[in-house]
Structures are given as C-alpha cells and as structure tokens.
Amino acid sequence: MPGVGTYVKALSAGAALCIGGPALVWYVSPTEEEIFKKYSPELQKKSLENREQRQQEFDDFVTQLKEYSKSDKPIWTVQKEMELKQAELRATRLREDQAALQAEAERRKAEVRSSTK
C-alpha cells in the first residue's frame, strides 16, 4: 500500500500541472499589441483602416445574437430561420426589380411605337 508521501507527491505534481500549465501558456502568449507591432507597416496601416468596419460587423453580430437569444428556440435554429427569411426577402425584391425593369422596357417600346406613327 502506498504511503502518505506518495499521495503528497501525486497531489503536488497534479497541482503543478493544473496551475503551472495555464500559467506558462499565459506567460508565453503574446498580447494583441505585441502581435500588431510585428506586422509590416503596410499591414498595420490596413489593419487600422479596417478596424472600425470589423468592429461594426462584430457589434452587429452580437446584436443579432442578442435578438436570437430572446426566442425560446436554440440560437442556430432562429439564425437559420432569419437567413431563410432574408433570402426570401431578397428574392422578392429581385422579382420586383425585374418586374419594374420589364414594365419600364414595355413603356419605352410603347413610347417608341407611338412616336414612329
């Protein structure tokens, strides 16, 4: 039967792994600022130019998630339903635009016919 010393060693090793592992990862991981400084100057410029757009897209995404979470359904189900509704809306708009273009073409044809008589 193992002695008390063996249990102490095992617990010490487990604690060292459970605490030391994440601490080591945290210590060696670079911050966002350190990563940004390693970019080339042109990449830094692009990153700064696109920062507001990316932030706005992220804010929109979080806002959508908040809206989806208000439902009793799972978020992915609500998201899929919203995507389908948006696709239907786009298709409807496309059909309306095509109908308007066709009506405009017919009107122009009628106008040309009436002007040639």
PDB file of N, CA and C in Angstrom:
ATOM      1  N   MET A   1       0.848  -1.178   0.000  1.00  0.00           N
ATOM      2  CA  MET A   1       0.000   0.000   0.000  1.00  0.00           C
ATOM      3  C   MET A   1       0.894   1.242   0.000  1.00  0.00           C
ATOM      4  N   PRO A   2       0.549   2.240  -0.874  1.00  0.00           N
ATOM      5  CA  PRO A   2       1.394   3.424  -0.971  1.00  0.00           C
ATOM      6  C   PRO A   2       1.333   4.231   0.327  1.00  0.00           C
ATOM      7  N   GLY A   3       2.428   4.878   0.591  1.00  0.00           N
ATOM      8  CA  GLY A   3       2.492   5.684   1.807  1.00  0.00           C
ATOM      9  C   GLY A   3       1.951   7.079   1.580  1.00  0.00           C
ATOM     10  N   VAL A   4       1.894   7.855   2.637  1.00  0.00           N
ATOM     11  CA  VAL A   4       1.380   9.214   2.600  1.00  0.00           C
ATOM     12  C   VAL A   4       2.248  10.088   1.696  1.00  0.00           C
ATOM     13  N   GLY A   5       3.530   9.831   1.674  1.00  0.00           N
ATOM     14  CA  GLY A   5       4.454  10.595   0.840  1.00  0.00           C
ATOM     15  C   GLY A   5       4.125  10.482  -0.632  1.00  0.00           C
ATOM     16  N   THR A   6       3.681   9.315  -1.058  1.00  0.00           N
ATOM     17  CA  THR A   6       3.314   9.101  -2.460  1.00  0.00           C
ATOM     18  C   THR A   6       2.102   9.954  -2.828  1.00  0.00           C
ATOM     19  N   TYR A   7       1.111  10.027  -1.922  1.00  0.00           N
ATOM     20  CA  TYR A   7      -0.076  10.833  -2.178  1.00  0.00           C
ATOM     21  C   TYR A   7       0.284  12.320  -2.229  1.00  0.00           C
ATOM     22  N   VAL A   8       1.175  12.735  -1.352  1.00  0.00           N
ATOM     23  CA  VAL A   8       1.601  14.131  -1.337  1.00  0.00           C
ATOM     24  C   VAL A   8       2.326  14.472  -2.636  1.00  0.00           C
ATOM     25  N   LYS A   9       3.195  13.576  -3.088  1.00  0.00           N
ATOM     26  CA  LYS A   9       3.908  13.793  -4.349  1.00  0.00           C
ATOM     27  C   LYS A   9       2.927  13.867  -5.517  1.00  0.00           C
ATOM     28  N   ALA A  10       1.956  12.958  -5.545  1.00  0.00           N
ATOM     29  CA  ALA A  10       0.974  12.934  -6.632  1.00  0.00           C
ATOM     30  C   ALA A  10       0.142  14.214  -6.631  1.00  0.00           C
ATOM     31  N   LEU A  11      -0.310  14.633  -5.464  1.00  0.00           N
ATOM     32  CA  LEU A  11      -1.094  15.865  -5.376  1.00  0.00           C
ATOM     33  C   LEU A  11      -0.259  17.083  -5.760  1.00  0.00           C
ATOM     34  N   SER A  12       1.010  17.095  -5.344  1.00  0.00           N
ATOM     35  CA  SER A  12       1.897  18.211  -5.691  1.00  0.00           C
ATOM     36  C   SER A  12       2.122  18.269  -7.200  1.00  0.00           C
ATOM     37  N   ALA A  13       2.356  17.107  -7.808  1.00  0.00           N
ATOM     38  CA  ALA A  13       2.564  17.071  -9.257  1.00  0.00           C
ATOM     39  C   ALA A  13       1.298  17.497  -9.990  1.00  0.00           C
ATOM     40  N   GLY A  14       0.140  17.032  -9.544  1.00  0.00           N
ATOM     41  CA  GLY A  14      -1.136  17.420 -10.161  1.00  0.00           C
ATOM     42  C   GLY A  14      -1.381  18.910 -10.048  1.00  0.00           C
ATOM     43  N   ALA A  15      -1.115  19.470  -8.865  1.00  0.00           N
ATOM     44  CA  ALA A  15      -1.299  20.917  -8.672  1.00  0.00           C
ATOM     45  C   ALA A  15      -0.342  21.698  -9.560  1.00  0.00           C
ATOM     46  N   ALA A  16       0.907  21.216  -9.662  1.00  0.00           N
ATOM     47  CA  ALA A  16       1.881  21.906 -10.514  1.00  0.00           C
ATOM     48  C   ALA A  16       1.421  21.910 -11.965  1.00  0.00           C
ATOM     49  N   LEU A  17       0.867  20.806 -12.434  1.00  0.00           N
ATOM     50  CA  LEU A  17       0.384  20.738 -13.814  1.00  0.00           C
ATOM     51  C   LEU A  17      -0.861  21.603 -14.020  1.00  0.00           C
ATOM     52  N   CYS A  18      -1.791  21.517 -13.067  1.00  0.00           N
ATOM     53  CA  CYS A  18      -3.054  22.255 -13.213  1.00  0.00           C
ATOM     54  C   CYS A  18      -2.859  23.759 -13.097  1.00  0.00           C
ATOM     55  N   ILE A  19      -1.915  24.185 -12.298  1.00  0.00           N
ATOM     56  CA  ILE A  19      -1.681  25.618 -12.115  1.00  0.00           C
ATOM     57  C   ILE A  19      -0.565  26.102 -13.037  1.00  0.00           C
ATOM     58  N   GLY A  20       0.500  25.332 -13.126  1.00  0.00           N
ATOM     59  CA  GLY A  20       1.656  25.745 -13.904  1.00  0.00           C
ATOM     60  C   GLY A  20       1.428  25.751 -15.400  1.00  0.00           C
ATOM     61  N   GLY A  21       0.644  24.793 -15.911  1.00  0.00           N
ATOM     62  CA  GLY A  21       0.387  24.724 -17.355  1.00  0.00           C
ATOM     63  C   GLY A  21      -0.286  25.972 -17.883  1.00  0.00           C
ATOM     64  N   PRO A  22      -1.466  26.324 -17.346  1.00  0.00           N
ATOM     65  CA  PRO A  22      -2.116  27.560 -17.806  1.00  0.00           C
ATOM     66  C   PRO A  22      -1.274  28.810 -17.540  1.00  0.00           C
ATOM     67  N   ALA A  23      -0.543  28.820 -16.412  1.00  0.00           N
ATOM     68  CA  ALA A  23       0.303  29.983 -16.123  1.00  0.00           C
ATOM     69  C   ALA A  23       1.399  30.122 -17.172  1.00  0.00           C
ATOM     70  N   LEU A  24       1.977  29.002 -17.587  1.00  0.00           N
ATOM     71  CA  LEU A  24       3.020  29.038 -18.619  1.00  0.00           C
ATOM     72  C   LEU A  24       2.449  29.527 -19.941  1.00  0.00           C
ATOM     73  N   VAL A  25       1.282  29.036 -20.316  1.00  0.00           N
ATOM     74  CA  VAL A  25       0.645  29.470 -21.564  1.00  0.00           C
ATOM     75  C   VAL A  25       0.366  30.969 -21.505  1.00  0.00           C
ATOM     76  N   TRP A  26      -0.156  31.445 -20.384  1.00  0.00           N
ATOM     77  CA  TRP A  26      -0.447  32.865 -20.231  1.00  0.00           C
ATOM     78  C   TRP A  26       0.838  33.687 -20.329  1.00  0.00           C
ATOM     79  N   TYR A  27       1.921  33.183 -19.759  1.00  0.00           N
ATOM     80  CA  TYR A  27       3.192  33.903 -19.742  1.00  0.00           C
ATOM     81  C   TYR A  27       3.813  34.001 -21.137  1.00  0.00           C
ATOM     82  N   VAL A  28       3.737  32.942 -21.934  1.00  0.00           N
ATOM     83  CA  VAL A  28       4.407  32.947 -23.239  1.00  0.00           C
ATOM     84  C   VAL A  28       3.525  33.460 -24.378  1.00  0.00           C
ATOM     85  N   SER A  29       2.219  33.605 -24.153  1.00  0.00           N
ATOM     86  CA  SER A  29       1.332  34.092 -25.217  1.00  0.00           C
ATOM     87  C   SER A  29       1.513  35.589 -25.416  1.00  0.00           C
ATOM     88  N   PRO A  30       1.705  36.023 -26.666  1.00  0.00           N
ATOM     89  CA  PRO A  30       1.868  37.462 -26.907  1.00  0.00           C
ATOM     90  C   PRO A  30       0.524  38.187 -26.812  1.00  0.00           C
ATOM     91  N   THR A  31       0.578  39.457 -26.454  1.00  0.00           N
ATOM     92  CA  THR A  31      -0.630  40.266 -26.410  1.00  0.00           C
ATOM     93  C   THR A  31      -0.972  40.718 -27.830  1.00  0.00           C
ATOM     94  N   GLU A  32      -2.174  41.259 -27.998  1.00  0.00           N
ATOM     95  CA  GLU A  32      -2.577  41.755 -29.315  1.00  0.00           C
ATOM     96  C   GLU A  32      -1.648  42.880 -29.765  1.00  0.00           C
ATOM     97  N   GLU A  33      -1.245  43.696 -28.828  1.00  0.00           N
ATOM     98  CA  GLU A  33      -0.360  44.818 -29.167  1.00  0.00           C
ATOM     99  C   GLU A  33       1.001  44.313 -29.656  1.00  0.00           C
ATOM    100  N   GLU A  34       1.542  43.288 -29.019  1.00  0.00           N
ATOM    101  CA  GLU A  34       2.824  42.731 -29.445  1.00  0.00           C
ATOM    102  C   GLU A  34       2.719  42.124 -30.842  1.00  0.00           C
ATOM    103  N   ILE A  35       1.608  41.460 -31.109  1.00  0.00           N
ATOM    104  CA  ILE A  35       1.402  40.879 -32.442  1.00  0.00           C
ATOM    105  C   ILE A  35       1.290  41.992 -33.477  1.00  0.00           C
ATOM    106  N   PHE A  36       0.539  43.045 -33.144  1.00  0.00           N
ATOM    107  CA  PHE A  36       0.348  44.168 -34.065  1.00  0.00           C
ATOM    108  C   PHE A  36       1.681  44.827 -34.399  1.00  0.00           C
ATOM    109  N   LYS A  37       2.568  44.967 -33.402  1.00  0.00           N
ATOM    110  CA  LYS A  37       3.867  45.599 -33.633  1.00  0.00           C
ATOM    111  C   LYS A  37       4.745  44.781 -34.575  1.00  0.00           C
ATOM    112  N   LYS A  38       4.503  43.473 -34.671  1.00  0.00           N
ATOM    113  CA  LYS A  38       5.301  42.624 -35.549  1.00  0.00           C
ATOM    114  C   LYS A  38       4.810  42.672 -37.000  1.00  0.00           C
ATOM    115  N   TYR A  39       3.636  43.276 -37.243  1.00  0.00           N
ATOM    116  CA  TYR A  39       3.139  43.431 -38.610  1.00  0.00           C
ATOM    117  C   TYR A  39       4.076  44.343 -39.395  1.00  0.00           C
ATOM    118  N   SER A  40       4.057  44.164 -40.705  1.00  0.00           N
ATOM    119  CA  SER A  40       4.773  45.108 -41.558  1.00  0.00           C
ATOM    120  C   SER A  40       3.995  46.432 -41.533  1.00  0.00           C
ATOM    121  N   PRO A  41       4.651  47.548 -41.852  1.00  0.00           N
ATOM    122  CA  PRO A  41       3.962  48.851 -41.813  1.00  0.00           C
ATOM    123  C   PRO A  41       2.710  48.897 -42.683  1.00  0.00           C
ATOM    124  N   GLU A  42       2.746  48.252 -43.852  1.00  0.00           N
ATOM    125  CA  GLU A  42       1.553  48.300 -44.714  1.00  0.00           C
ATOM    126  C   GLU A  42       0.413  47.487 -44.105  1.00  0.00           C
ATOM    127  N   LEU A  43       0.721  46.363 -43.451  1.00  0.00           N
ATOM    128  CA  LEU A  43      -0.326  45.594 -42.783  1.00  0.00           C
ATOM    129  C   LEU A  43      -0.893  46.356 -41.588  1.00  0.00           C
ATOM    130  N   GLN A  44      -0.034  47.071 -40.873  1.00  0.00           N
ATOM    131  CA  GLN A  44      -0.513  47.885 -39.759  1.00  0.00           C
ATOM    132  C   GLN A  44      -1.479  48.945 -40.265  1.00  0.00           C
ATOM    133  N   LYS A  45      -1.128  49.564 -41.384  1.00  0.00           N
ATOM    134  CA  LYS A  45      -1.990  50.603 -41.957  1.00  0.00           C
ATOM    135  C   LYS A  45      -3.339  50.018 -42.366  1.00  0.00           C
ATOM    136  N   LYS A  46      -3.312  48.864 -43.058  1.00  0.00           N
ATOM    137  CA  LYS A  46      -4.561  48.215 -43.470  1.00  0.00           C
ATOM    138  C   LYS A  46      -5.405  47.835 -42.267  1.00  0.00           C
ATOM    139  N   SER A  47      -4.739  47.311 -41.255  1.00  0.00           N
ATOM    140  CA  SER A  47      -5.448  46.892 -40.052  1.00  0.00           C
ATOM    141  C   SER A  47      -6.125  48.077 -39.378  1.00  0.00           C
ATOM    142  N   LEU A  48      -5.436  49.183 -39.306  1.00  0.00           N
ATOM    143  CA  LEU A  48      -6.023  50.378 -38.695  1.00  0.00           C
ATOM    144  C   LEU A  48      -7.184  50.920 -39.527  1.00  0.00           C
ATOM    145  N   GLU A  49      -7.060  50.851 -40.857  1.00  0.00           N
ATOM    146  CA  GLU A  49      -8.128  51.346 -41.732  1.00  0.00           C
ATOM    147  C   GLU A  49      -9.387  50.497 -41.604  1.00  0.00           C
ATOM    148  N   ASN A  50      -9.209  49.193 -41.464  1.00  0.00           N
ATOM    149  CA  ASN A  50     -10.354  48.279 -41.426  1.00  0.00           C
ATOM    150  C   ASN A  50     -10.875  48.017 -40.016  1.00  0.00           C
ATOM    151  N   ARG A  51     -10.243  48.604 -39.020  1.00  0.00           N
ATOM    152  CA  ARG A  51     -10.622  48.324 -37.632  1.00  0.00           C
ATOM    153  C   ARG A  51     -12.067  48.711 -37.341  1.00  0.00           C
ATOM    154  N   GLU A  52     -12.487  49.896 -37.764  1.00  0.00           N
ATOM    155  CA  GLU A  52     -13.849  50.351 -37.490  1.00  0.00           C
ATOM    156  C   GLU A  52     -14.876  49.456 -38.173  1.00  0.00           C
ATOM    157  N   GLN A  53     -14.603  49.060 -39.403  1.00  0.00           N
ATOM    158  CA  GLN A  53     -15.534  48.191 -40.137  1.00  0.00           C
ATOM    159  C   GLN A  53     -15.670  46.849 -39.426  1.00  0.00           C
ATOM    160  N   ARG A  54     -14.539  46.258 -39.023  1.00  0.00           N
ATOM    161  CA  ARG A  54     -14.589  44.972 -38.323  1.00  0.00           C
ATOM    162  C   ARG A  54     -15.309  45.095 -36.990  1.00  0.00           C
ATOM    163  N   GLN A  55     -15.081  46.206 -36.295  1.00  0.00           N
ATOM    164  CA  GLN A  55     -15.751  46.428 -35.015  1.00  0.00           C
ATOM    165  C   GLN A  55     -17.256  46.562 -35.219  1.00  0.00           C
ATOM    166  N   GLN A  56     -17.661  47.268 -36.278  1.00  0.00           N
ATOM    167  CA  GLN A  56     -19.085  47.424 -36.564  1.00  0.00           C
ATOM    168  C   GLN A  56     -19.710  46.083 -36.909  1.00  0.00           C
ATOM    169  N   GLU A  57     -19.017  45.274 -37.711  1.00  0.00           N
ATOM    170  CA  GLU A  57     -19.533  43.949 -38.059  1.00  0.00           C
ATOM    171  C   GLU A  57     -19.683  43.089 -36.813  1.00  0.00           C
ATOM    172  N   PHE A  58     -18.716  43.156 -35.902  1.00  0.00           N
ATOM    173  CA  PHE A  58     -18.798  42.386 -34.670  1.00  0.00           C
ATOM    174  C   PHE A  58     -19.964  42.868 -33.806  1.00  0.00           C
ATOM    175  N   ASP A  59     -20.135  44.180 -33.711  1.00  0.00           N
ATOM    176  CA  ASP A  59     -21.244  44.723 -32.934  1.00  0.00           C
ATOM    177  C   ASP A  59     -22.588  44.289 -33.512  1.00  0.00           C
ATOM    178  N   ASP A  60     -22.706  44.304 -34.844  1.00  0.00           N
ATOM    179  CA  ASP A  60     -23.932  43.839 -35.495  1.00  0.00           C
ATOM    180  C   ASP A  60     -24.178  42.365 -35.196  1.00  0.00           C
ATOM    181  N   PHE A  61     -23.125  41.572 -35.245  1.00  0.00           N
ATOM    182  CA  PHE A  61     -23.230  40.145 -34.956  1.00  0.00           C
ATOM    183  C   PHE A  61     -23.715  39.906 -33.526  1.00  0.00           C
ATOM    184  N   VAL A  62     -23.134  40.633 -32.573  1.00  0.00           N
ATOM    185  CA  VAL A  62     -23.539  40.473 -31.170  1.00  0.00           C
ATOM    186  C   VAL A  62     -24.985  40.924 -30.984  1.00  0.00           C
ATOM    187  N   THR A  63     -25.369  42.008 -31.646  1.00  0.00           N
ATOM    188  CA  THR A  63     -26.751  42.480 -31.567  1.00  0.00           C
ATOM    189  C   THR A  63     -27.711  41.422 -32.101  1.00  0.00           C
ATOM    190  N   GLN A  64     -27.345  40.798 -33.225  1.00  0.00           N
ATOM    191  CA  GLN A  64     -28.184  39.728 -33.778  1.00  0.00           C
ATOM    192  C   GLN A  64     -28.275  38.558 -32.813  1.00  0.00           C
ATOM    193  N   LEU A  65     -27.163  38.190 -32.217  1.00  0.00           N
ATOM    194  CA  LEU A  65     -27.196  37.084 -31.255  1.00  0.00           C
ATOM    195  C   LEU A  65     -28.100  37.399 -30.071  1.00  0.00           C
ATOM    196  N   LYS A  66     -28.062  38.637 -29.612  1.00  0.00           N
ATOM    197  CA  LYS A  66     -28.944  39.032 -28.511  1.00  0.00           C
ATOM    198  C   LYS A  66     -30.405  38.908 -28.922  1.00  0.00           C
ATOM    199  N   GLU A  67     -30.709  39.315 -30.158  1.00  0.00           N
ATOM    200  CA  GLU A  67     -32.083  39.186 -30.652  1.00  0.00           C
ATOM    201  C   GLU A  67     -32.487  37.717 -30.756  1.00  0.00           C
ATOM    202  N   TYR A  68     -31.575  36.887 -31.274  1.00  0.00           N
ATOM    203  CA  TYR A  68     -31.866  35.466 -31.418  1.00  0.00           C
ATOM    204  C   TYR A  68     -32.059  34.802 -30.063  1.00  0.00           C
ATOM    205  N   SER A  69     -31.339  35.259 -29.051  1.00  0.00           N
ATOM    206  CA  SER A  69     -31.413  34.615 -27.742  1.00  0.00           C
ATOM    207  C   SER A  69     -32.717  34.927 -27.014  1.00  0.00           C
ATOM    208  N   LYS A  70     -33.464  35.916 -27.486  1.00  0.00           N
ATOM    209  CA  LYS A  70     -34.744  36.242 -26.857  1.00  0.00           C
ATOM    210  C   LYS A  70     -35.789  35.170 -27.134  1.00  0.00           C
ATOM    211  N   SER A  71     -35.578  34.384 -28.169  1.00  0.00           N
ATOM    212  CA  SER A  71     -36.515  33.326 -28.526  1.00  0.00           C
ATOM    213  C   SER A  71     -36.299  32.110 -27.620  1.00  0.00           C
ATOM    214  N   ASP A  72     -37.328  31.277 -27.525  1.00  0.00           N
ATOM    215  CA  ASP A  72     -37.210  30.043 -26.747  1.00  0.00           C
ATOM    216  C   ASP A  72     -36.469  28.964 -27.525  1.00  0.00           C
ATOM    217  N   LYS A  73     -36.335  29.165 -28.822  1.00  0.00           N
ATOM    218  CA  LYS A  73     -35.669  28.178 -29.670  1.00  0.00           C
ATOM    219  C   LYS A  73     -34.152  28.314 -29.545  1.00  0.00           C
ATOM    220  N   PRO A  74     -33.401  27.276 -29.943  1.00  0.00           N
ATOM    221  CA  PRO A  74     -31.936  27.404 -29.966  1.00  0.00           C
ATOM    222  C   PRO A  74     -31.512  28.497 -30.950  1.00  0.00           C
ATOM    223  N   ILE A  75     -30.400  29.132 -30.639  1.00  0.00           N
ATOM    224  CA  ILE A  75     -29.923  30.265 -31.443  1.00  0.00           C
ATOM    225  C   ILE A  75     -29.703  29.863 -32.894  1.00  0.00           C
ATOM    226  N   TRP A  76     -29.125  28.672 -33.137  1.00  0.00           N
ATOM    227  CA  TRP A  76     -28.829  28.270 -34.510  1.00  0.00           C
ATOM    228  C   TRP A  76     -30.104  28.049 -35.309  1.00  0.00           C
ATOM    229  N   THR A  77     -31.180  27.635 -34.640  1.00  0.00           N
ATOM    230  CA  THR A  77     -32.453  27.461 -35.332  1.00  0.00           C
ATOM    231  C   THR A  77     -33.020  28.822 -35.733  1.00  0.00           C
ATOM    232  N   VAL A  78     -33.005  29.748 -34.792  1.00  0.00           N
ATOM    233  CA  VAL A  78     -33.515  31.094 -35.064  1.00  0.00           C
ATOM    234  C   VAL A  78     -32.672  31.764 -36.153  1.00  0.00           C
ATOM    235  N   GLN A  79     -31.355  31.554 -36.096  1.00  0.00           N
ATOM    236  CA  GLN A  79     -30.468  32.138 -37.100  1.00  0.00           C
ATOM    237  C   GLN A  79     -30.788  31.583 -38.480  1.00  0.00           C
ATOM    238  N   LYS A  80     -31.013  30.274 -38.569  1.00  0.00           N
ATOM    239  CA  LYS A  80     -31.345  29.656 -39.855  1.00  0.00           C
ATOM    240  C   LYS A  80     -32.674  30.206 -40.380  1.00  0.00           C
ATOM    241  N   GLU A  81     -33.662  30.363 -39.497  1.00  0.00           N
ATOM    242  CA  GLU A  81     -34.952  30.918 -39.914  1.00  0.00           C
ATOM    243  C   GLU A  81     -34.789  32.345 -40.435  1.00  0.00           C
ATOM    244  N   MET A  82     -33.977  33.141 -39.743  1.00  0.00           N
ATOM    245  CA  MET A  82     -33.761  34.516 -40.187  1.00  0.00           C
ATOM    246  C   MET A  82     -33.039  34.558 -41.532  1.00  0.00           C
ATOM    247  N   GLU A  83     -32.093  33.656 -41.740  1.00  0.00           N
ATOM    248  CA  GLU A  83     -31.399  33.592 -43.027  1.00  0.00           C
ATOM    249  C   GLU A  83     -32.372  33.245 -44.148  1.00  0.00           C
ATOM    250  N   LEU A  84     -33.286  32.304 -43.868  1.00  0.00           N
ATOM    251  CA  LEU A  84     -34.288  31.937 -44.876  1.00  0.00           C
ATOM    252  C   LEU A  84     -35.210  33.116 -45.170  1.00  0.00           C
ATOM    253  N   LYS A  85     -35.637  33.836 -44.132  1.00  0.00           N
ATOM    254  CA  LYS A  85     -36.497  34.994 -44.341  1.00  0.00           C
ATOM    255  C   LYS A  85     -35.786  36.061 -45.168  1.00  0.00           C
ATOM    256  N   GLN A  86     -34.493  36.292 -44.864  1.00  0.00           N
ATOM    257  CA  GLN A  86     -33.735  37.287 -45.612  1.00  0.00           C
ATOM    258  C   GLN A  86     -33.552  36.862 -47.064  1.00  0.00           C
ATOM    259  N   ALA A  87     -33.342  35.561 -47.295  1.00  0.00           N
ATOM    260  CA  ALA A  87     -33.206  35.069 -48.663  1.00  0.00           C
ATOM    261  C   ALA A  87     -34.518  35.256 -49.426  1.00  0.00           C
ATOM    262  N   GLU A  88     -35.642  34.973 -48.772  1.00  0.00           N
ATOM    263  CA  GLU A  88     -36.948  35.183 -49.408  1.00  0.00           C
ATOM    264  C   GLU A  88     -37.170  36.659 -49.707  1.00  0.00           C
ATOM    265  N   LEU A  89     -36.790  37.507 -48.780  1.00  0.00           N
ATOM    266  CA  LEU A  89     -36.951  38.949 -48.978  1.00  0.00           C
ATOM    267  C   LEU A  89     -36.106  39.432 -50.158  1.00  0.00           C
ATOM    268  N   ARG A  90     -34.859  38.931 -50.242  1.00  0.00           N
ATOM    269  CA  ARG A  90     -34.013  39.303 -51.379  1.00  0.00           C
ATOM    270  C   ARG A  90     -34.607  38.809 -52.694  1.00  0.00           C
ATOM    271  N   ALA A  91     -35.138  37.588 -52.685  1.00  0.00           N
ATOM    272  CA  ALA A  91     -35.739  37.042 -53.905  1.00  0.00           C
ATOM    273  C   ALA A  91     -36.953  37.874 -54.308  1.00  0.00           C
ATOM    274  N   THR A  92     -37.753  38.274 -53.335  1.00  0.00           N
ATOM    275  CA  THR A  92     -38.930  39.101 -53.625  1.00  0.00           C
ATOM    276  C   THR A  92     -38.506  40.443 -54.199  1.00  0.00           C
ATOM    277  N   ARG A  93     -37.492  41.048 -53.606  1.00  0.00           N
ATOM    278  CA  ARG A  93     -37.003  42.329 -54.124  1.00  0.00           C
ATOM    279  C   ARG A  93     -36.473  42.180 -55.542  1.00  0.00           C
ATOM    280  N   LEU A  94     -35.778  41.080 -55.794  1.00  0.00           N
ATOM    281  CA  LEU A  94     -35.237  40.840 -57.127  1.00  0.00           C
ATOM    282  C   LEU A  94     -36.367  40.707 -58.142  1.00  0.00           C
ATOM    283  N   ARG A  95     -37.411  39.953 -57.782  1.00  0.00           N
ATOM    284  CA  ARG A  95     -38.553  39.809 -58.692  1.00  0.00           C
ATOM    285  C   ARG A  95     -39.236  41.154 -58.936  1.00  0.00           C
ATOM    286  N   GLU A  96     -39.370  41.954 -57.877  1.00  0.00           N
ATOM    287  CA  GLU A  96     -39.986  43.278 -58.032  1.00  0.00           C
ATOM    288  C   GLU A  96     -39.139  44.173 -58.933  1.00  0.00           C
ATOM    289  N   ASP A  97     -37.828  44.118 -58.742  1.00  0.00           N
ATOM    290  CA  ASP A  97     -36.933  44.914 -59.589  1.00  0.00           C
ATOM    291  C   ASP A  97     -37.020  44.480 -61.045  1.00  0.00           C
ATOM    292  N   GLN A  98     -37.054  43.168 -61.272  1.00  0.00           N
ATOM    293  CA  GLN A  98     -37.164  42.661 -62.638  1.00  0.00           C
ATOM    294  C   GLN A  98     -38.489  43.058 -63.262  1.00  0.00           C
ATOM    295  N   ALA A  99     -39.566  42.994 -62.472  1.00  0.00           N
ATOM    296  CA  ALA A  99     -40.870  43.395 -62.987  1.00  0.00           C
ATOM    297  C   ALA A  99     -40.873  44.881 -63.324  1.00  0.00           C
ATOM    298  N   ALA A 100     -40.253  45.687 -62.482  1.00  0.00           N
ATOM    299  CA  ALA A 100     -40.193  47.128 -62.745  1.00  0.00           C
ATOM    300  C   ALA A 100     -39.376  47.409 -64.006  1.00  0.00           C
ATOM    301  N   LEU A 101     -38.263  46.693 -64.183  1.00  0.00           N
ATOM    302  CA  LEU A 101     -37.457  46.873 -65.387  1.00  0.00           C
ATOM    303  C   LEU A 101     -38.228  46.460 -66.635  1.00  0.00           C
ATOM    304  N   GLN A 102     -38.949  45.361 -66.526  1.00  0.00           N
ATOM    305  CA  GLN A 102     -39.722  44.902 -67.676  1.00  0.00           C
ATOM    306  C   GLN A 102     -40.843  45.892 -67.995  1.00  0.00           C
ATOM    307  N   ALA A 103     -41.499  46.424 -66.977  1.00  0.00           N
ATOM    308  CA  ALA A 103     -42.550  47.416 -67.197  1.00  0.00           C
ATOM    309  C   ALA A 103     -41.968  48.663 -67.850  1.00  0.00           C
ATOM    310  N   GLU A 104     -40.783  49.064 -67.397  1.00  0.00           N
ATOM    311  CA  GLU A 104     -40.125  50.225 -67.986  1.00  0.00           C
ATOM    312  C   GLU A 104     -39.775  49.955 -69.450  1.00  0.00           C
ATOM    313  N   ALA A 105     -39.304  48.753 -69.751  1.00  0.00           N
ATOM    314  CA  ALA A 105     -38.979  48.397 -71.131  1.00  0.00           C
ATOM    315  C   ALA A 105     -40.228  48.411 -71.993  1.00  0.00           C
ATOM    316  N   GLU A 106     -41.328  47.873 -71.482  1.00  0.00           N
ATOM    317  CA  GLU A 106     -42.587  47.880 -72.231  1.00  0.00           C
ATOM    318  C   GLU A 106     -43.072  49.317 -72.466  1.00  0.00           C
ATOM    319  N   ARG A 107     -42.931  50.159 -71.458  1.00  0.00           N
ATOM    320  CA  ARG A 107     -43.347  51.554 -71.591  1.00  0.00           C
ATOM    321  C   ARG A 107     -42.527  52.253 -72.673  1.00  0.00           C
ATOM    322  N   ARG A 108     -41.222  51.975 -72.672  1.00  0.00           N
ATOM    323  CA  ARG A 108     -40.365  52.590 -73.690  1.00  0.00           C
ATOM    324  C   ARG A 108     -40.710  52.085 -75.085  1.00  0.00           C
ATOM    325  N   LYS A 109     -40.985  50.769 -75.201  1.00  0.00           N
ATOM    326  CA  LYS A 109     -41.392  50.233 -76.501  1.00  0.00           C
ATOM    327  C   LYS A 109     -42.652  50.903 -76.993  1.00  0.00           C
ATOM    328  N   ALA A 110     -43.617  51.057 -76.075  1.00  0.00           N
ATOM    329  CA  ALA A 110     -44.890  51.686 -76.459  1.00  0.00           C
ATOM    330  C   ALA A 110     -44.639  53.136 -76.852  1.00  0.00           C
ATOM    331  N   GLU A 111     -43.759  53.790 -76.157  1.00  0.00           N
ATOM    332  CA  GLU A 111     -43.443  55.193 -76.451  1.00  0.00           C
ATOM    333  C   GLU A 111     -42.791  55.306 -77.824  1.00  0.00           C
ATOM    334  N   VAL A 112     -41.873  54.376 -78.127  1.00  0.00           N
ATOM    335  CA  VAL A 112     -41.199  54.407 -79.433  1.00  0.00           C
ATOM    336  C   VAL A 112     -42.210  54.112 -80.533  1.00  0.00           C
ATOM    337  N   ARG A 113     -43.084  53.148 -80.317  1.00  0.00           N
ATOM    338  CA  ARG A 113     -44.101  52.817 -81.324  1.00  0.00           C
ATOM    339  C   ARG A 113     -45.027  53.989 -81.583  1.00  0.00           C
ATOM    340  N   SER A 114     -45.441  54.673 -80.519  1.00  0.00           N
ATOM    341  CA  SER A 114     -46.364  55.793 -80.690  1.00  0.00           C
ATOM    342  C   SER A 114     -45.675  56.997 -81.348  1.00  0.00           C
ATOM    343  N   SER A 115     -44.387  57.138 -81.146  1.00  0.00           N
ATOM    344  CA  SER A 115     -43.687  58.271 -81.730  1.00  0.00           C
ATOM    345  C   SER A 115     -43.374  58.042 -83.217  1.00  0.00           C
ATOM    346  N   THR A 116     -43.300  56.768 -83.634  1.00  0.00           N
ATOM    347  CA  THR A 116     -42.999  56.485 -85.039  1.00  0.00           C
ATOM    348  C   THR A 116     -44.235  56.539 -85.915  1.00  0.00           C
ATOM    349  N   LYS A 117     -45.410  56.553 -85.355  1.00  0.00           N
ATOM    350  CA  LYS A 117     -46.647  56.573 -86.147  1.00  0.00           C
ATOM    351  C   LYS A 117     -46.991  57.915 -86.644  1.00  0.00           C
TER     352      LYS A 117
END
